[in-house]
C-alpha atoms as a PDB file:
ATOM      1  CA  MET A   1     -34.525 -11.711  17.131  1.00  0.00           C
ATOM      2  CA  PRO A   2     -35.290 -14.158  19.947  1.00  0.00           C
ATOM      3  CA  ILE A   3     -35.303 -17.899  19.414  1.00  0.00           C
ATOM      4  CA  PRO A   4     -38.893 -19.161  19.310  1.00  0.00           C
ATOM      5  CA  THR A   5     -39.897 -21.121  22.397  1.00  0.00           C
ATOM      6  CA  SER A   6     -42.992 -22.803  20.981  1.00  0.00           C
ATOM      7  CA  ARG A   7     -43.961 -24.650  17.823  1.00  0.00           C
ATOM      8  CA  GLU A   8     -46.439 -21.904  16.955  1.00  0.00           C
ATOM      9  CA  ASP A   9     -43.835 -19.158  17.345  1.00  0.00           C
ATOM     10  CA  LEU A  10     -41.354 -21.072  15.189  1.00  0.00           C
ATOM     11  CA  VAL A  11     -43.874 -21.755  12.419  1.00  0.00           C
ATOM     12  CA  ASP A  12     -45.069 -18.135  12.497  1.00  0.00           C
ATOM     13  CA  SER A  13     -41.506 -16.870  12.422  1.00  0.00           C
ATOM     14  CA  VAL A  14     -40.375 -19.043   9.500  1.00  0.00           C
ATOM     15  CA  THR A  15     -43.566 -18.346   7.568  1.00  0.00           C
ATOM     16  CA  SER A  16     -43.663 -14.592   8.100  1.00  0.00           C
ATOM     17  CA  THR A  17     -39.976 -13.880   7.510  1.00  0.00           C
ATOM     18  CA  PHE A  18     -39.954 -15.937   4.324  1.00  0.00           C
ATOM     19  CA  ALA A  19     -43.133 -14.221   3.090  1.00  0.00           C
ATOM     20  CA  LYS A  20     -41.569 -10.807   3.718  1.00  0.00           C
ATOM     21  CA  LEU A  21     -38.448 -11.804   1.796  1.00  0.00           C
ATOM     22  CA  GLU A  22     -40.564 -13.104  -1.086  1.00  0.00           C
ATOM     23  CA  THR A  23     -42.603  -9.885  -1.162  1.00  0.00           C
ATOM     24  CA  GLU A  24     -39.430  -7.806  -1.280  1.00  0.00           C
ATOM     25  CA  LEU A  25     -38.027  -9.895  -4.137  1.00  0.00           C
ATOM     26  CA  ASP A  26     -41.319  -9.855  -6.063  1.00  0.00           C
ATOM     27  CA  ARG A  27     -41.617  -6.097  -5.653  1.00  0.00           C
ATOM     28  CA  ALA A  28     -38.098  -5.564  -7.015  1.00  0.00           C
ATOM     29  CA  GLY A  29     -38.489  -7.871 -10.005  1.00  0.00           C
ATOM     30  CA  PRO A  30     -36.015 -10.357 -11.486  1.00  0.00           C
ATOM     31  CA  GLY A  31     -33.390  -7.697 -12.232  1.00  0.00           C
ATOM     32  CA  VAL A  32     -32.692  -7.552  -8.510  1.00  0.00           C
ATOM     33  CA  ALA A  33     -30.637 -10.737  -8.914  1.00  0.00           C
ATOM     34  CA  LYS A  34     -27.716  -8.785 -10.378  1.00  0.00           C
ATOM     35  CA  LEU A  35     -27.658  -5.978  -7.843  1.00  0.00           C
ATOM     36  CA  HIS A  36     -24.813  -5.789  -5.348  1.00  0.00           C
ATOM     37  CA  ALA A  37     -26.038  -7.056  -1.974  1.00  0.00           C
ATOM     38  CA  VAL A  38     -23.178  -7.458   0.494  1.00  0.00           C
ATOM     39  CA  ASP A  39     -19.418  -7.870   0.298  1.00  0.00           C
ATOM     40  CA  ASP A  40     -18.786  -9.123  -3.243  1.00  0.00           C
ATOM     41  CA  TRP A  41     -22.143 -10.899  -3.517  1.00  0.00           C
ATOM     42  CA  THR A  42     -25.084 -10.108  -5.727  1.00  0.00           C
ATOM     43  CA  VAL A  43     -28.634 -10.654  -4.495  1.00  0.00           C
ATOM     44  CA  LYS A  44     -28.600 -13.958  -6.389  1.00  0.00           C
ATOM     45  CA  ASP A  45     -25.438 -15.013  -4.530  1.00  0.00           C
ATOM     46  CA  LEU A  46     -27.010 -13.996  -1.222  1.00  0.00           C
ATOM     47  CA  LEU A  47     -30.095 -16.100  -1.953  1.00  0.00           C
ATOM     48  CA  ALA A  48     -27.917 -19.060  -2.956  1.00  0.00           C
ATOM     49  CA  VAL A  49     -26.292 -18.939   0.488  1.00  0.00           C
ATOM     50  CA  ARG A  50     -29.682 -18.671   2.200  1.00  0.00           C
ATOM     51  CA  LEU A  51     -30.869 -21.615   0.108  1.00  0.00           C
ATOM     52  CA  TRP A  52     -27.907 -23.748   1.146  1.00  0.00           C
ATOM     53  CA  TRP A  53     -28.475 -23.119   4.859  1.00  0.00           C
ATOM     54  CA  THR A  54     -32.218 -23.777   4.549  1.00  0.00           C
ATOM     55  CA  GLU A  55     -31.653 -27.067   2.715  1.00  0.00           C
ATOM     56  CA  HIS A  56     -28.901 -28.158   5.057  1.00  0.00           C
ATOM     57  CA  VAL A  57     -30.709 -27.504   8.318  1.00  0.00           C
ATOM     58  CA  ALA A  58     -33.496 -29.691   6.907  1.00  0.00           C
ATOM     59  CA  GLN A  59     -30.951 -32.383   6.019  1.00  0.00           C
ATOM     60  CA  TRP A  60     -29.399 -32.230   9.498  1.00  0.00           C
ATOM     61  CA  VAL A  61     -32.773 -32.618  11.196  1.00  0.00           C
ATOM     62  CA  GLU A  62     -33.762 -35.449   8.849  1.00  0.00           C
ATOM     63  CA  ALA A  63     -30.478 -37.224   9.588  1.00  0.00           C
ATOM     64  CA  GLY A  64     -31.086 -36.820  13.314  1.00  0.00           C
ATOM     65  CA  ARG A  65     -34.564 -38.298  12.957  1.00  0.00           C
ATOM     66  CA  ARG A  66     -32.976 -41.346  11.283  1.00  0.00           C
ATOM     67  CA  GLY A  67     -30.529 -41.666  14.167  1.00  0.00           C
ATOM     68  CA  SER A  68     -27.572 -40.430  12.112  1.00  0.00           C
ATOM     69  CA  LYS A  69     -25.122 -37.737  13.056  1.00  0.00           C
ATOM     70  CA  PRO A  70     -24.809 -35.241  10.196  1.00  0.00           C
ATOM     71  CA  VAL A  71     -21.581 -33.442   9.418  1.00  0.00           C
ATOM     72  CA  THR A  72     -22.141 -29.815  10.380  1.00  0.00           C
ATOM     73  CA  PRO A  73     -21.793 -27.388   8.872  1.00  0.00           C
ATOM     74  CA  ALA A  74     -20.370 -29.338   5.911  1.00  0.00           C
ATOM     75  CA  ARG A  75     -17.675 -31.867   5.128  1.00  0.00           C
ATOM     76  CA  GLY A  76     -14.317 -30.107   5.149  1.00  0.00           C
ATOM     77  CA  PHE A  77     -15.589 -27.039   7.018  1.00  0.00           C
ATOM     78  CA  GLY A  78     -15.682 -26.177  10.704  1.00  0.00           C
ATOM     79  CA  TRP A  79     -18.006 -23.635  12.260  1.00  0.00           C
ATOM     80  CA  SER A  80     -15.204 -21.075  12.346  1.00  0.00           C
ATOM     81  CA  GLU A  81     -14.925 -21.438   8.560  1.00  0.00           C
ATOM     82  CA  THR A  82     -18.420 -20.358   7.563  1.00  0.00           C
ATOM     83  CA  PRO A  83     -17.110 -17.410   5.508  1.00  0.00           C
ATOM     84  CA  ARG A  84     -15.061 -19.865   3.426  1.00  0.00           C
ATOM     85  CA  LEU A  85     -18.061 -22.215   3.214  1.00  0.00           C
ATOM     86  CA  ASN A  86     -20.329 -19.383   2.079  1.00  0.00           C
ATOM     87  CA  ALA A  87     -17.782 -18.386  -0.574  1.00  0.00           C
ATOM     88  CA  ASP A  88     -17.744 -21.993  -1.792  1.00  0.00           C
ATOM     89  CA  ILE A  89     -21.549 -22.017  -1.920  1.00  0.00           C
ATOM     90  CA  VAL A  90     -21.557 -18.836  -4.012  1.00  0.00           C
ATOM     91  CA  ARG A  91     -18.926 -20.215  -6.380  1.00  0.00           C
ATOM     92  CA  LYS A  92     -20.879 -23.439  -6.918  1.00  0.00           C
ATOM     93  CA  ALA A  93     -24.172 -21.599  -7.429  1.00  0.00           C
ATOM     94  CA  ARG A  94     -22.877 -19.122 -10.028  1.00  0.00           C
ATOM     95  CA  GLY A  95     -24.203 -21.267 -12.901  1.00  0.00           C
ATOM     96  CA  LEU A  96     -27.695 -21.612 -11.447  1.00  0.00           C
ATOM     97  CA  PRO A  97     -30.419 -19.321 -12.758  1.00  0.00           C
ATOM     98  CA  TYR A  98     -31.954 -16.862 -10.308  1.00  0.00           C
ATOM     99  CA  THR A  99     -35.395 -18.439 -10.776  1.00  0.00           C
ATOM    100  CA  THR A 100     -34.007 -21.862  -9.876  1.00  0.00           C
ATOM    101  CA  ILE A 101     -32.520 -20.505  -6.670  1.00  0.00           C
ATOM    102  CA  ARG A 102     -35.765 -18.747  -5.736  1.00  0.00           C
ATOM    103  CA  ASN A 103     -37.866 -21.835  -6.477  1.00  0.00           C
ATOM    104  CA  ARG A 104     -35.564 -24.093  -4.474  1.00  0.00           C
ATOM    105  CA  LEU A 105     -35.553 -21.625  -1.585  1.00  0.00           C
ATOM    106  CA  LYS A 106     -39.358 -21.652  -1.576  1.00  0.00           C
ATOM    107  CA  ARG A 107     -39.385 -25.468  -1.605  1.00  0.00           C
ATOM    108  CA  GLY A 108     -36.747 -25.526   1.135  1.00  0.00           C
ATOM    109  CA  SER A 109     -38.799 -23.263   3.353  1.00  0.00           C
ATOM    110  CA  LYS A 110     -41.838 -25.488   2.875  1.00  0.00           C
ATOM    111  CA  ARG A 111     -39.700 -28.550   3.612  1.00  0.00           C
ATOM    112  CA  VAL A 112     -38.592 -26.998   6.910  1.00  0.00           C
ATOM    113  CA  LEU A 113     -42.212 -26.269   7.826  1.00  0.00           C
ATOM    114  CA  ARG A 114     -43.137 -29.907   7.101  1.00  0.00           C
ATOM    115  CA  LEU A 115     -40.257 -31.024   9.334  1.00  0.00           C
ATOM    116  CA  ILE A 116     -41.431 -28.793  12.146  1.00  0.00           C
ATOM    117  CA  ASP A 117     -44.875 -30.343  11.791  1.00  0.00           C
ATOM    118  CA  ALA A 118     -43.399 -33.866  11.839  1.00  0.00           C
ATOM    119  CA  LEU A 119     -41.454 -33.321  15.068  1.00  0.00           C
ATOM    120  CA  ASP A 120     -43.182 -33.637  18.403  1.00  0.00           C
ATOM    121  CA  ASP A 121     -42.755 -30.819  20.915  1.00  0.00           C
ATOM    122  CA  ALA A 122     -39.992 -32.622  22.805  1.00  0.00           C
ATOM    123  CA  GLN A 123     -37.997 -33.203  19.604  1.00  0.00           C
ATOM    124  CA  LEU A 124     -38.458 -29.605  18.595  1.00  0.00           C
ATOM    125  CA  LEU A 125     -37.990 -27.763  21.879  1.00  0.00           C
ATOM    126  CA  GLU A 126     -35.892 -29.879  24.258  1.00  0.00           C
ATOM    127  CA  VAL A 127     -32.108 -29.991  24.451  1.00  0.00           C
ATOM    128  CA  GLY A 128     -30.358 -33.323  23.934  1.00  0.00           C
ATOM    129  CA  VAL A 129     -32.939 -35.033  21.745  1.00  0.00           C
ATOM    130  CA  PHE A 130     -30.560 -34.994  18.774  1.00  0.00           C
ATOM    131  CA  PRO A 131     -26.957 -35.476  19.921  1.00  0.00           C
ATOM    132  CA  TRP A 132     -25.572 -33.591  16.928  1.00  0.00           C
ATOM    133  CA  ALA A 133     -27.408 -30.436  18.071  1.00  0.00           C
ATOM    134  CA  GLY A 134     -25.288 -30.133  21.216  1.00  0.00           C
ATOM    135  CA  ASN A 135     -26.694 -27.907  23.930  1.00  0.00           C
ATOM    136  CA  TYR A 136     -29.432 -26.411  21.777  1.00  0.00           C
ATOM    137  CA  PRO A 137     -32.945 -27.445  20.833  1.00  0.00           C
ATOM    138  CA  ILE A 138     -33.683 -28.113  17.168  1.00  0.00           C
ATOM    139  CA  ALA A 139     -35.982 -25.065  17.148  1.00  0.00           C
ATOM    140  CA  ARG A 140     -32.883 -22.894  17.648  1.00  0.00           C
ATOM    141  CA  TRP A 141     -31.051 -24.564  14.772  1.00  0.00           C
ATOM    142  CA  ILE A 142     -34.052 -24.128  12.509  1.00  0.00           C
ATOM    143  CA  SER A 143     -34.594 -20.512  13.505  1.00  0.00           C
ATOM    144  CA  ILE A 144     -30.979 -19.466  13.001  1.00  0.00           C
ATOM    145  CA  ASN A 145     -30.772 -21.164   9.608  1.00  0.00           C
ATOM    146  CA  THR A 146     -34.104 -19.912   8.276  1.00  0.00           C
ATOM    147  CA  THR A 147     -35.751 -17.007  10.083  1.00  0.00           C
ATOM    148  CA  ARG A 148     -32.568 -15.097  10.797  1.00  0.00           C
ATOM    149  CA  GLN A 149     -31.232 -15.828   7.323  1.00  0.00           C
ATOM    150  CA  TYR A 150     -34.439 -14.616   5.656  1.00  0.00           C
ATOM    151  CA  THR A 151     -34.557 -11.486   7.810  1.00  0.00           C
ATOM    152  CA  THR A 152     -30.994 -10.448   7.037  1.00  0.00           C
ATOM    153  CA  ALA A 153     -31.448 -11.287   3.345  1.00  0.00           C
ATOM    154  CA  ARG A 154     -34.521  -9.057   3.184  1.00  0.00           C
ATOM    155  CA  GLY A 155     -32.529  -6.199   4.669  1.00  0.00           C
ATOM    156  CA  PHE A 156     -29.754  -6.628   2.126  1.00  0.00           C
ATOM    157  CA  VAL A 157     -32.266  -6.815  -0.734  1.00  0.00           C
ATOM    158  CA  ARG A 158     -33.990  -3.625   0.415  1.00  0.00           C
ATOM    159  CA  LYS A 159     -30.655  -1.857   0.675  1.00  0.00           C
ATOM    160  CA  ALA A 160     -29.584  -3.098  -2.785  1.00  0.00           C
ATOM    161  CA  VAL A 161     -32.786  -1.823  -4.365  1.00  0.00           C
ATOM    162  CA  ARG A 162     -32.567   1.507  -2.539  1.00  0.00           C
ATOM    163  CA  GLU A 163     -28.922   2.000  -3.543  1.00  0.00           C
ATOM    164  CA  SER A 164     -29.686   1.104  -7.161  1.00  0.00           C
ATOM    165  CA  GLY A 165     -32.092   4.028  -7.297  1.00  0.00           C
ATOM    166  CA  ALA A 166     -34.850   1.854  -8.686  1.00  0.00           C
ATOM    167  CA  GLY A 167     -37.872   0.497  -6.862  1.00  0.00           C
ATOM    168  CA  ASP A 168     -38.522  -2.036  -9.601  1.00  0.00           C
ATOM    169  CA  VAL A 169     -35.417  -3.412 -11.312  1.00  0.00           C
ATOM    170  CA  ARG A 170     -37.172  -5.539 -13.869  1.00  0.00           C
END
């Protein structure tokens, strides 16, 4: 999946991939939350991880807009430790209801779209505008932490439903 090179492509990508994920989850019903998705994660765990990355890319961009340098990916974790970070996210989210995770993910996706709208084209598409982003434009950071996350999640959800033998796991 290529990184969007325009505001319109980024908005379309975030919007369409999230809508497809939502459709897949709605079609399966709330029982999908307990199905095995990937590794030792359930669909609910998978969505909790996608939620975290969606919320955090928004926080990183917001910090950059304020002139701050966010800690990426998270305090106490380096980029080579994302599997450990994801495991920590899953552990912390275990007590959250599936509906809470889904609602927050929906709000997070909308928050990202509002951020995209608030950034001018240079902020969104040029390298070096936000020092914390290194050699990449913010559009790349947003795409990787939303569009790609939603696309892979949808694939795992589809596989979980297919392997469960039920189209609707209500």
